[in-house]
Amino acid sequence: MIPPDGLTDEEVKAILENSKRVMVIGMFRDPAKAAGEVPLFLKSVGYEIIPINPFAEQIAGIKAYKSFSDFHGTVDVIDVFRPSAEIPTLVDELKSDGFKVLWLQEGIYDDSARRLTGKSVVWNRCMMKEYRRLILNYRKP
């Protein structure tokens, strides 16, 4: 069982509202798969998407990069669609100031990610579902 990430709805909402540039590690070309659908949804609501896929030059008309280190710039969120077992290796590559939040999609968790990156880490949550829940349908109690 994956433990909760410890973030409140207000903290997750703030991440979503204050982030506009999202790198998607493991973005698929197929919009029918979550790793294709979620980034395209995020793009449709105004986020700039930067795909990372070692097997694609472009995804949905957007230039794709082979890896995080191939992109030269900063992003607000790194949204990860890779298996939990790959997170420690990925975190080694991400040791930089080029991002603010590491977001591990549903079913993805690594208990060392927060400690190793020194960043905010959201895990086992879908960025699209959280956006829909907290932004589009958000109601103050």
Foldseek 3Di string as FASTA:
>chain_A
DDDALPDDLVRLLCLLVVFAEEEEEPQDLDCVDLSPVQVVVSVVVHHHYAYADLVDCDHPNHGHHPAPVRDPAAGAEYEYDDAQVCQVVNLVVQQDPRYAEYEYEAPHDDPCSCVSNVHHYGYNHRSNVSCCDCPVVNDDD
